[in-house]
């Protein structure tokens, strides 16, 4: 209860951009818990039963046989430089994730305009930018400052300075930033990487918005889909051909918009 009160006042203090997120969190408290252990176990079982190999996934989203090879997003020297900065800090925003897969998808499918939610150290941001910058593209990233988060200056540290001109980092909640990012890229979104609000109700809100905004042939990548049944319900409701990959004991969902 005390933590809830602290969060409430923190959101109020952060200003109007945060009020829609605060209201959504209040509503979630009043709804059925869809992020329970039971729901997570159901989602994990579904993910396991629907696992796709990386090669099958890449073929399904448009790779030709000769192009099915995962490329390195960062060379060893660059990775070492970034990791040193991170290790010298007191923060812990998580690991690199499936950056090589994201980079390869961007390269082989000639992704030009992308949206990303959840930045952390910016490993995926850097991977996307390293590819789309070659096509003079743009990445809009949305990352909400979090209660009790320290070293916030390290958000996006993996993005090289020369790539910043292709990058628009919005430091605000999804509920405020995502609709505005979509409006800015209206009709030209090639890829969306979702890695922010993993709650059931957060995904239920964002998935429809993201899917409706993607152009035909666009790619939707959703991280940690084992957390609840929202992704499972989404693909079922829309009768979508989907791919589920396992990465570091977690699952990522990948869909191509074939309409």
Protein backbone atom coordinates (compact mmCIF):
# COMPACT_ATOMS: atom_id res chain seq x y z
CA UNK A 1 0.00 0.00 0.00
CA UNK A 2 2.82 2.42 0.90
CA UNK A 3 4.56 1.75 -2.42
CA UNK A 4 1.29 2.36 -4.26
CA UNK A 5 0.90 5.71 -2.53
CA UNK A 6 4.49 6.66 -3.39
CA UNK A 7 3.88 5.71 -7.03
CA UNK A 8 0.66 7.74 -7.11
CA UNK A 9 2.35 10.92 -5.97
CA UNK A 10 5.37 10.29 -8.21
CA UNK A 11 3.11 10.14 -11.26
CA UNK A 12 1.31 13.31 -10.14
CA UNK A 13 4.63 15.08 -9.66
CA UNK A 14 5.85 14.07 -13.14
CA UNK A 15 3.10 16.10 -14.78
CA UNK A 16 0.27 15.80 -17.32
CA UNK A 17 2.15 13.49 -19.72
CA UNK A 18 1.95 10.84 -17.01
CA UNK A 19 -1.69 11.20 -16.00
CA UNK A 20 -3.11 8.79 -18.60
CA UNK A 21 -0.64 6.15 -17.42
CA UNK A 22 -1.57 6.81 -13.80
CA UNK A 23 -5.24 6.41 -14.63
CA UNK A 24 -4.56 3.16 -16.51
CA UNK A 25 -2.69 1.79 -13.49
CA UNK A 26 -5.54 2.71 -11.16
CA UNK A 27 -8.01 0.93 -13.45
CA UNK A 28 -5.76 -2.13 -13.54
CA UNK A 29 -5.95 -2.36 -9.74
CA UNK A 30 -9.75 -2.58 -10.05
CA UNK A 31 -9.73 -5.21 -12.80
CA UNK A 32 -9.20 -8.94 -12.73
CA UNK A 33 -5.55 -9.85 -12.23
CA UNK A 34 -4.37 -11.10 -15.60
CA UNK A 35 -0.69 -11.19 -14.65
CA UNK A 36 -1.06 -13.90 -12.01
CA UNK A 37 1.13 -16.99 -11.77
CA UNK A 38 -1.65 -19.02 -13.34
CA UNK A 39 -1.82 -16.69 -16.33
CA UNK A 40 1.97 -16.71 -16.71
CA UNK A 41 2.07 -20.49 -16.67
CA UNK A 42 -0.65 -20.62 -19.32
CA UNK A 43 1.29 -18.18 -21.51
CA UNK A 44 4.59 -20.06 -21.06
CA UNK A 45 2.94 -23.34 -22.03
CA UNK A 46 1.48 -21.74 -25.16
CA UNK A 47 4.84 -20.21 -26.10
CA UNK A 48 6.61 -23.54 -25.69
CA UNK A 49 4.00 -25.37 -27.75
CA UNK A 50 4.27 -22.80 -30.56
CA UNK A 51 8.04 -22.41 -30.72
CA UNK A 52 9.49 -21.61 -34.14
CA UNK A 53 13.09 -22.06 -35.20
CA UNK A 54 14.97 -18.91 -36.18
CA UNK A 55 15.23 -20.09 -39.79
CA UNK A 56 11.50 -20.82 -39.99
CA UNK A 57 10.71 -17.43 -38.49
CA UNK A 58 12.93 -15.55 -40.93
CA UNK A 59 11.45 -17.41 -43.90
CA UNK A 60 7.95 -16.63 -42.65
CA UNK A 61 8.66 -12.89 -42.56
CA UNK A 62 10.20 -12.71 -46.02
CA UNK A 63 13.82 -13.86 -45.94
CA UNK A 64 15.16 -15.71 -48.95
CA UNK A 65 17.08 -18.92 -48.27
CA UNK A 66 20.43 -17.37 -49.18
CA UNK A 67 19.90 -14.54 -46.67
CA UNK A 68 19.14 -16.66 -43.60
CA UNK A 69 22.14 -15.78 -41.50
CA UNK A 70 22.14 -13.81 -38.25
CA UNK A 71 24.55 -10.87 -38.39
CA UNK A 72 26.37 -9.13 -35.55
CA UNK A 73 24.93 -5.72 -34.71
CA UNK A 74 28.00 -4.56 -32.77
CA UNK A 75 31.66 -5.45 -33.19
CA UNK A 76 33.58 -6.67 -30.16
CA UNK A 77 35.37 -3.37 -29.56
CA UNK A 78 32.13 -1.39 -29.48
CA UNK A 79 30.45 -3.93 -27.20
CA UNK A 80 33.40 -3.76 -24.81
CA UNK A 81 33.27 0.04 -24.75
CA UNK A 82 29.57 0.10 -23.91
CA UNK A 83 29.83 -2.69 -21.34
CA UNK A 84 32.62 -0.84 -19.53
CA UNK A 85 30.41 2.25 -19.16
CA UNK A 86 27.58 0.08 -17.84
CA UNK A 87 29.77 -1.91 -15.47
CA UNK A 88 31.23 1.29 -14.02
CA UNK A 89 27.74 2.49 -13.06
CA UNK A 90 25.35 1.43 -10.31
CA UNK A 91 22.45 0.84 -12.66
CA UNK A 92 20.96 -2.43 -13.89
CA UNK A 93 18.58 -1.91 -16.78
CA UNK A 94 18.92 -5.43 -18.16
CA UNK A 95 20.96 -7.20 -20.83
CA UNK A 96 21.47 -6.82 -24.55
CA UNK A 97 18.48 -8.87 -25.64
CA UNK A 98 18.16 -10.24 -29.17
CA UNK A 99 19.93 -7.31 -30.84
CA UNK A 100 21.56 -9.41 -33.57
CA UNK A 101 18.19 -10.78 -34.65
CA UNK A 102 16.66 -7.30 -34.74
CA UNK A 103 19.61 -5.94 -36.68
CA UNK A 104 19.42 -8.78 -39.21
CA UNK A 105 15.70 -8.23 -39.75
CA UNK A 106 16.28 -4.53 -40.33
CA UNK A 107 19.10 -5.22 -42.77
CA UNK A 108 17.47 -7.95 -44.84
CA UNK A 109 14.03 -6.33 -45.00
CA UNK A 110 15.41 -2.83 -45.64
CA UNK A 111 13.67 -1.29 -42.66
CA UNK A 112 13.63 2.49 -42.92
CA UNK A 113 11.17 3.81 -40.31
CA UNK A 114 10.78 2.16 -36.91
CA UNK A 115 9.25 2.73 -33.49
CA UNK A 116 10.55 1.21 -30.28
CA UNK A 117 9.12 1.24 -26.77
CA UNK A 118 11.50 0.65 -23.87
CA UNK A 119 15.10 1.74 -24.40
CA UNK A 120 17.18 0.95 -21.29
CA UNK A 121 20.86 1.00 -22.33
CA UNK A 122 19.82 1.24 -25.96
CA UNK A 123 21.24 -2.02 -27.29
CA UNK A 124 18.25 -2.61 -29.55
CA UNK A 125 18.07 1.11 -30.39
CA UNK A 126 21.69 1.03 -31.53
CA UNK A 127 21.12 -2.15 -33.54
CA UNK A 128 18.13 -0.67 -35.36
CA UNK A 129 19.89 2.63 -36.00
CA UNK A 130 23.03 0.99 -37.34
CA UNK A 131 20.87 -0.51 -40.07
CA UNK A 132 18.27 2.12 -40.95
CA UNK A 133 20.77 5.00 -40.91
CA UNK A 134 22.21 3.56 -44.13
CA UNK A 135 18.81 4.27 -45.73
CA UNK A 136 18.46 7.69 -44.12
CA UNK A 137 15.64 6.32 -41.97
CA UNK A 138 14.35 7.26 -38.54
CA UNK A 139 13.80 5.52 -35.22
CA UNK A 140 11.44 6.97 -32.64
CA UNK A 141 12.07 5.47 -29.21
CA UNK A 142 9.83 5.91 -26.17
CA UNK A 143 11.21 5.40 -22.69
CA UNK A 144 9.49 6.43 -19.47
CA UNK A 145 11.64 7.47 -16.48
CA UNK A 146 10.89 5.04 -13.68
CA UNK A 147 10.40 5.47 -9.95
CA UNK A 148 13.64 4.62 -8.07
CA UNK A 149 15.64 4.47 -11.29
CA UNK A 150 19.19 5.81 -11.03
CA UNK A 151 21.77 6.62 -13.71
CA UNK A 152 19.03 7.70 -16.08
CA UNK A 153 21.68 9.48 -18.13
CA UNK A 154 22.72 6.01 -19.33
CA UNK A 155 19.45 5.47 -21.17
CA UNK A 156 20.48 4.89 -24.78
CA UNK A 157 24.20 4.81 -24.03
CA UNK A 158 24.69 2.08 -26.66
CA UNK A 159 23.66 4.48 -29.43
CA UNK A 160 26.71 6.03 -31.05
CA UNK A 161 26.67 9.86 -31.20
CA UNK A 162 26.83 9.92 -35.00
CA UNK A 163 23.52 8.01 -35.12
CA UNK A 164 21.61 10.52 -33.01
CA UNK A 165 20.52 12.51 -36.06
CA UNK A 166 18.41 9.50 -37.10
CA UNK A 167 16.99 9.06 -33.60
CA UNK A 168 14.12 10.72 -31.76
CA UNK A 169 14.13 9.68 -28.08
CA UNK A 170 10.93 10.59 -26.28
CA UNK A 171 11.34 10.36 -22.51
CA UNK A 172 7.68 9.83 -21.66
CA UNK A 173 5.12 7.05 -21.04
CA UNK A 174 3.73 4.86 -23.81
CA UNK A 175 0.22 6.20 -23.30
CA UNK A 176 1.44 9.66 -24.19
CA UNK A 177 4.35 8.99 -26.52
CA UNK A 178 3.25 6.02 -28.62
CA UNK A 179 0.19 7.67 -30.27
CA UNK A 180 2.31 10.74 -31.06
CA UNK A 181 5.12 8.67 -32.53
CA UNK A 182 2.62 6.82 -34.72
CA UNK A 183 1.05 10.09 -35.85
CA UNK A 184 4.48 11.49 -36.74
CA UNK A 185 5.30 8.46 -38.90
CA UNK A 186 1.77 8.15 -40.29
CA UNK A 187 1.56 5.34 -42.83
CA UNK A 188 5.30 4.71 -43.10
CA UNK A 189 6.06 2.43 -40.12
CA UNK A 190 8.10 -0.59 -41.23
CA UNK A 191 8.84 -2.08 -37.81
CA UNK A 192 7.76 -1.76 -34.18
CA UNK A 193 9.76 -3.28 -31.35
CA UNK A 194 7.72 -3.43 -28.13
CA UNK A 195 9.70 -3.77 -24.92
CA UNK A 196 8.01 -1.52 -22.35
CA UNK A 197 4.78 -2.11 -20.39
CA UNK A 198 4.62 -5.92 -20.26
CA UNK A 199 1.43 -6.06 -18.20
CA UNK A 200 -1.64 -7.74 -19.68
CA UNK A 201 -3.67 -4.55 -19.89
CA UNK A 202 -0.69 -2.55 -21.13
CA UNK A 203 -0.24 -4.99 -24.02
CA UNK A 204 -3.98 -5.15 -24.76
CA UNK A 205 -3.96 -1.39 -25.27
CA UNK A 206 -0.71 -1.14 -27.23
CA UNK A 207 -1.00 -4.17 -29.52
CA UNK A 208 -4.10 -2.94 -31.34
CA UNK A 209 -2.64 0.54 -31.71
CA UNK A 210 0.65 -0.82 -33.06
CA UNK A 211 -0.95 -3.31 -35.44
CA UNK A 212 -3.30 -0.75 -36.95
CA UNK A 213 -0.40 1.65 -37.52
CA UNK A 214 1.96 -0.80 -39.26
CA UNK A 215 2.16 -0.58 -43.04
CA UNK A 216 1.50 -3.69 -45.12
CA UNK A 217 4.57 -5.92 -44.87
CA UNK A 218 5.58 -4.31 -41.58
CA UNK A 219 7.10 -6.27 -38.70
CA UNK A 220 5.86 -6.36 -35.10
CA UNK A 221 8.33 -7.67 -32.50
CA UNK A 222 7.04 -8.13 -28.94
CA UNK A 223 9.35 -9.10 -26.07
CA UNK A 224 8.63 -11.31 -23.04
CA UNK A 225 5.30 -12.59 -24.33
CA UNK A 226 5.37 -15.32 -21.68
CA UNK A 227 4.45 -12.78 -18.99
CA UNK A 228 0.72 -13.13 -19.68
CA UNK A 229 -1.76 -14.25 -22.34
CA UNK A 230 -2.17 -10.88 -24.10
CA UNK A 231 -0.04 -11.75 -27.15
CA UNK A 232 -1.61 -15.21 -27.41
CA UNK A 233 -5.09 -13.66 -27.42
CA UNK A 234 -4.03 -10.99 -29.91
CA UNK A 235 -2.85 -13.39 -32.61
CA UNK A 236 -5.82 -15.67 -32.00
CA UNK A 237 -8.37 -12.86 -32.22
CA UNK A 238 -6.88 -11.60 -35.48
CA UNK A 239 -6.14 -15.07 -36.87
CA UNK A 240 -2.52 -14.08 -37.51
CA UNK A 241 0.41 -16.18 -38.65
CA UNK A 242 2.94 -15.67 -35.88
CA UNK A 243 6.40 -16.79 -34.79
CA UNK A 244 7.60 -17.51 -31.25
CA UNK A 245 11.33 -17.63 -30.54
CA UNK A 246 13.06 -18.53 -27.29
CA UNK A 247 15.86 -16.28 -26.15
CA UNK A 248 17.65 -16.59 -22.78
CA UNK A 249 14.71 -18.56 -21.31
CA UNK A 250 12.24 -15.89 -22.42
CA UNK A 251 10.04 -15.68 -25.48
CA UNK A 252 9.67 -13.11 -28.23
CA UNK A 253 6.78 -12.90 -30.68
CA UNK A 254 7.33 -11.80 -34.28
CA UNK A 255 4.57 -11.11 -36.81
CA UNK A 256 4.59 -9.83 -40.37
CA UNK A 257 1.56 -7.81 -41.44
CA UNK A 258 0.61 -9.62 -44.64
CA UNK A 259 -2.31 -7.44 -45.66
